[in-house]
Amino acid sequence: MIENFLQYGQWIILILSIMSLYLVSSVKHETRLNGYILTGVSRFSGAAIFILVDLFAFVIANLIQTYIAFLGYYKNKKAGEKLDNGS
C-alpha cells in the first residue's frame, strides 16, 4: 500500500513540478505568481514523501526550495502591487 502511494506520489509531484516550471516561465504576472505557489506546494509535497522513506537530504533540499518558491511569490506579488498602484 505505502509503496504504491510513494510510487504514484512521486509521479504526481513530477507533473506538478513541470506544470509549475511552465507557469513560472510565463510573462503574465498572475500566471507567474500561480507558478510560484504551485512550485511551493510541489516542493513541500516532495519533502513529505521523502520523510516517509527517510531521505533527509532530500527533505532539506525540498524545504529550501519551498522557502525560495514562496519568497519569490511574495516578492513578485509585492512588486506587482506597486506597479498596479503606480508607485
N, C-alpha and C. Protein backbone atom coordinates (compact mmCIF):
# COMPACT_ATOMS: atom_id res chain seq x y z
N MET A 1 0.83 -1.20 0.00
CA MET A 1 0.00 0.00 0.00
C MET A 1 0.87 1.26 0.00
N ILE A 2 1.79 1.35 0.96
CA ILE A 2 2.64 2.55 1.05
C ILE A 2 3.57 2.66 -0.15
N GLU A 3 4.00 1.51 -0.69
CA GLU A 3 4.87 1.53 -1.86
C GLU A 3 4.14 2.11 -3.07
N ASN A 4 2.87 1.74 -3.24
CA ASN A 4 2.08 2.31 -4.34
C ASN A 4 1.91 3.81 -4.17
N PHE A 5 1.65 4.24 -2.94
CA PHE A 5 1.48 5.67 -2.67
C PHE A 5 2.76 6.42 -3.02
N LEU A 6 3.90 5.88 -2.60
CA LEU A 6 5.17 6.55 -2.87
C LEU A 6 5.48 6.55 -4.37
N GLN A 7 5.22 5.45 -5.03
CA GLN A 7 5.50 5.37 -6.46
C GLN A 7 4.65 6.36 -7.25
N TYR A 8 3.36 6.35 -7.03
CA TYR A 8 2.48 7.25 -7.79
C TYR A 8 2.58 8.68 -7.29
N GLY A 9 2.84 8.86 -6.01
CA GLY A 9 3.01 10.20 -5.46
C GLY A 9 4.19 10.92 -6.08
N GLN A 10 5.25 10.19 -6.33
CA GLN A 10 6.42 10.80 -6.97
C GLN A 10 6.10 11.25 -8.39
N TRP A 11 5.28 10.49 -9.11
CA TRP A 11 4.89 10.88 -10.46
C TRP A 11 4.01 12.13 -10.43
N ILE A 12 3.12 12.18 -9.47
CA ILE A 12 2.26 13.36 -9.34
C ILE A 12 3.09 14.59 -9.04
N ILE A 13 4.07 14.45 -8.15
CA ILE A 13 4.95 15.57 -7.81
C ILE A 13 5.76 15.99 -9.04
N LEU A 14 6.20 15.04 -9.82
CA LEU A 14 6.93 15.37 -11.05
C LEU A 14 6.06 16.19 -12.00
N ILE A 15 4.82 15.77 -12.16
CA ILE A 15 3.89 16.51 -13.04
C ILE A 15 3.65 17.91 -12.50
N LEU A 16 3.44 18.03 -11.17
CA LEU A 16 3.24 19.35 -10.57
C LEU A 16 4.47 20.24 -10.76
N SER A 17 5.65 19.66 -10.64
CA SER A 17 6.88 20.43 -10.81
C SER A 17 7.02 20.95 -12.24
N ILE A 18 6.68 20.11 -13.21
CA ILE A 18 6.76 20.52 -14.61
C ILE A 18 5.73 21.62 -14.89
N MET A 19 4.52 21.46 -14.35
CA MET A 19 3.49 22.48 -14.54
C MET A 19 3.92 23.81 -13.91
N SER A 20 4.53 23.73 -12.73
CA SER A 20 4.95 24.97 -12.06
C SER A 20 6.06 25.66 -12.83
N LEU A 21 6.97 24.89 -13.42
CA LEU A 21 8.02 25.48 -14.24
C LEU A 21 7.42 26.20 -15.44
N TYR A 22 6.43 25.59 -16.06
CA TYR A 22 5.74 26.21 -17.18
C TYR A 22 5.08 27.53 -16.76
N LEU A 23 4.42 27.52 -15.61
CA LEU A 23 3.73 28.73 -15.13
C LEU A 23 4.71 29.83 -14.75
N VAL A 24 5.80 29.47 -14.08
CA VAL A 24 6.79 30.45 -13.63
C VAL A 24 7.47 31.12 -14.83
N SER A 25 7.56 30.42 -15.94
CA SER A 25 8.23 30.99 -17.11
C SER A 25 7.32 31.91 -17.92
N SER A 26 6.08 32.11 -17.48
CA SER A 26 5.14 32.97 -18.19
C SER A 26 5.53 34.44 -18.06
N VAL A 27 5.14 35.23 -19.04
CA VAL A 27 5.38 36.67 -18.97
C VAL A 27 4.22 37.38 -18.28
N LYS A 28 3.11 36.68 -18.06
CA LYS A 28 1.97 37.28 -17.36
C LYS A 28 2.19 37.19 -15.85
N HIS A 29 2.01 38.32 -15.19
CA HIS A 29 2.31 38.41 -13.76
C HIS A 29 1.49 37.42 -12.92
N GLU A 30 0.18 37.37 -13.12
CA GLU A 30 -0.68 36.49 -12.32
C GLU A 30 -0.34 35.02 -12.57
N THR A 31 -0.06 34.67 -13.80
CA THR A 31 0.31 33.28 -14.12
C THR A 31 1.61 32.91 -13.42
N ARG A 32 2.57 33.83 -13.42
CA ARG A 32 3.85 33.58 -12.76
C ARG A 32 3.66 33.42 -11.25
N LEU A 33 2.79 34.23 -10.65
CA LEU A 33 2.51 34.09 -9.22
C LEU A 33 1.91 32.73 -8.91
N ASN A 34 0.99 32.28 -9.76
CA ASN A 34 0.41 30.94 -9.56
C ASN A 34 1.49 29.86 -9.68
N GLY A 35 2.45 30.08 -10.55
CA GLY A 35 3.57 29.15 -10.69
C GLY A 35 4.40 29.06 -9.43
N TYR A 36 4.62 30.21 -8.78
CA TYR A 36 5.38 30.19 -7.52
C TYR A 36 4.64 29.40 -6.45
N ILE A 37 3.33 29.59 -6.38
CA ILE A 37 2.54 28.84 -5.39
C ILE A 37 2.60 27.34 -5.69
N LEU A 38 2.42 26.98 -6.95
CA LEU A 38 2.45 25.56 -7.32
C LEU A 38 3.83 24.96 -7.08
N THR A 39 4.88 25.75 -7.31
CA THR A 39 6.24 25.28 -7.02
C THR A 39 6.39 24.98 -5.53
N GLY A 40 5.92 25.89 -4.70
CA GLY A 40 6.00 25.67 -3.26
C GLY A 40 5.24 24.45 -2.82
N VAL A 41 4.04 24.26 -3.35
CA VAL A 41 3.21 23.10 -2.99
C VAL A 41 3.88 21.81 -3.44
N SER A 42 4.41 21.78 -4.65
CA SER A 42 5.03 20.55 -5.15
C SER A 42 6.31 20.23 -4.38
N ARG A 43 7.08 21.24 -4.04
CA ARG A 43 8.31 21.01 -3.28
C ARG A 43 7.99 20.52 -1.88
N PHE A 44 6.98 21.11 -1.25
CA PHE A 44 6.60 20.67 0.09
C PHE A 44 6.07 19.24 0.04
N SER A 45 5.31 18.91 -0.99
CA SER A 45 4.80 17.54 -1.15
C SER A 45 5.96 16.57 -1.32
N GLY A 46 6.97 16.99 -2.08
CA GLY A 46 8.16 16.16 -2.24
C GLY A 46 8.85 15.91 -0.91
N ALA A 47 8.93 16.95 -0.10
CA ALA A 47 9.56 16.79 1.23
C ALA A 47 8.76 15.81 2.08
N ALA A 48 7.44 15.89 2.03
CA ALA A 48 6.60 14.99 2.83
C ALA A 48 6.80 13.54 2.40
N ILE A 49 6.88 13.29 1.10
CA ILE A 49 7.09 11.91 0.64
C ILE A 49 8.47 11.40 1.06
N PHE A 50 9.48 12.25 0.94
CA PHE A 50 10.82 11.80 1.31
C PHE A 50 10.96 11.56 2.81
N ILE A 51 10.17 12.25 3.63
CA ILE A 51 10.18 11.96 5.07
C ILE A 51 9.75 10.52 5.29
N LEU A 52 8.77 10.07 4.50
CA LEU A 52 8.26 8.70 4.65
C LEU A 52 9.31 7.65 4.32
N VAL A 53 10.28 7.97 3.49
CA VAL A 53 11.30 6.98 3.12
C VAL A 53 12.67 7.32 3.71
N ASP A 54 12.69 8.23 4.67
CA ASP A 54 13.91 8.56 5.43
C ASP A 54 15.06 9.08 4.58
N LEU A 55 14.77 9.88 3.61
CA LEU A 55 15.82 10.50 2.82
C LEU A 55 15.93 11.98 3.23
N PHE A 56 16.58 12.20 4.35
CA PHE A 56 16.56 13.53 4.97
C PHE A 56 17.27 14.59 4.14
N ALA A 57 18.25 14.22 3.35
CA ALA A 57 18.91 15.21 2.49
C ALA A 57 17.91 15.78 1.49
N PHE A 58 17.05 14.93 0.96
CA PHE A 58 16.03 15.40 0.02
C PHE A 58 14.99 16.26 0.74
N VAL A 59 14.70 15.91 1.98
CA VAL A 59 13.75 16.71 2.76
C VAL A 59 14.28 18.13 2.91
N ILE A 60 15.54 18.24 3.28
CA ILE A 60 16.15 19.56 3.46
C ILE A 60 16.14 20.33 2.14
N ALA A 61 16.50 19.66 1.04
CA ALA A 61 16.51 20.33 -0.27
C ALA A 61 15.11 20.80 -0.65
N ASN A 62 14.11 19.98 -0.44
CA ASN A 62 12.74 20.36 -0.77
C ASN A 62 12.24 21.50 0.11
N LEU A 63 12.59 21.51 1.37
CA LEU A 63 12.17 22.60 2.24
C LEU A 63 12.84 23.91 1.85
N ILE A 64 14.11 23.86 1.46
CA ILE A 64 14.80 25.07 1.00
C ILE A 64 14.14 25.58 -0.28
N GLN A 65 13.83 24.68 -1.20
CA GLN A 65 13.18 25.08 -2.45
C GLN A 65 11.78 25.63 -2.19
N THR A 66 11.09 25.08 -1.19
CA THR A 66 9.78 25.60 -0.81
C THR A 66 9.90 27.04 -0.33
N TYR A 67 10.89 27.30 0.52
CA TYR A 67 11.12 28.65 1.03
C TYR A 67 11.41 29.62 -0.12
N ILE A 68 12.28 29.20 -1.04
CA ILE A 68 12.65 30.06 -2.17
C ILE A 68 11.42 30.34 -3.05
N ALA A 69 10.60 29.33 -3.29
CA ALA A 69 9.42 29.50 -4.13
C ALA A 69 8.45 30.49 -3.52
N PHE A 70 8.16 30.34 -2.24
CA PHE A 70 7.21 31.24 -1.59
C PHE A 70 7.80 32.65 -1.43
N LEU A 71 9.10 32.75 -1.20
CA LEU A 71 9.75 34.05 -1.12
C LEU A 71 9.65 34.77 -2.46
N GLY A 72 9.88 34.05 -3.56
CA GLY A 72 9.73 34.63 -4.89
C GLY A 72 8.31 35.08 -5.15
N TYR A 73 7.35 34.28 -4.70
CA TYR A 73 5.94 34.66 -4.86
C TYR A 73 5.65 35.98 -4.16
N TYR A 74 6.03 36.09 -2.89
CA TYR A 74 5.71 37.29 -2.14
C TYR A 74 6.45 38.52 -2.68
N LYS A 75 7.69 38.35 -3.09
CA LYS A 75 8.43 39.48 -3.66
C LYS A 75 7.79 39.95 -4.96
N ASN A 76 7.40 39.02 -5.82
CA ASN A 76 6.77 39.38 -7.09
C ASN A 76 5.38 39.95 -6.87
N LYS A 77 4.65 39.42 -5.91
CA LYS A 77 3.32 39.95 -5.61
C LYS A 77 3.43 41.39 -5.12
N LYS A 78 4.40 41.65 -4.25
CA LYS A 78 4.62 42.99 -3.73
C LYS A 78 5.02 43.94 -4.85
N ALA A 79 5.89 43.49 -5.74
CA ALA A 79 6.33 44.31 -6.87
C ALA A 79 5.15 44.58 -7.81
N GLY A 80 4.29 43.59 -8.02
CA GLY A 80 3.12 43.77 -8.86
C GLY A 80 2.12 44.75 -8.27
N GLU A 81 1.97 44.71 -6.95
CA GLU A 81 1.07 45.65 -6.28
C GLU A 81 1.58 47.08 -6.41
N LYS A 82 2.90 47.26 -6.34
CA LYS A 82 3.47 48.60 -6.51
C LYS A 82 3.22 49.12 -7.92
N LEU A 83 3.34 48.21 -8.91
CA LEU A 83 3.08 48.61 -10.30
C LEU A 83 1.61 48.96 -10.51
N ASP A 84 0.73 48.19 -9.89
CA ASP A 84 -0.71 48.43 -10.02
C ASP A 84 -1.12 49.76 -9.38
N ASN A 85 -0.44 50.14 -8.31
CA ASN A 85 -0.75 51.39 -7.62
C ASN A 85 -0.09 52.59 -8.26
N GLY A 86 0.81 52.35 -9.22
CA GLY A 86 1.51 53.43 -9.89
C GLY A 86 2.66 54.00 -9.11
N SER A 87 3.13 53.28 -8.13
CA SER A 87 4.27 53.75 -7.33
C SER A 87 5.57 53.46 -7.99
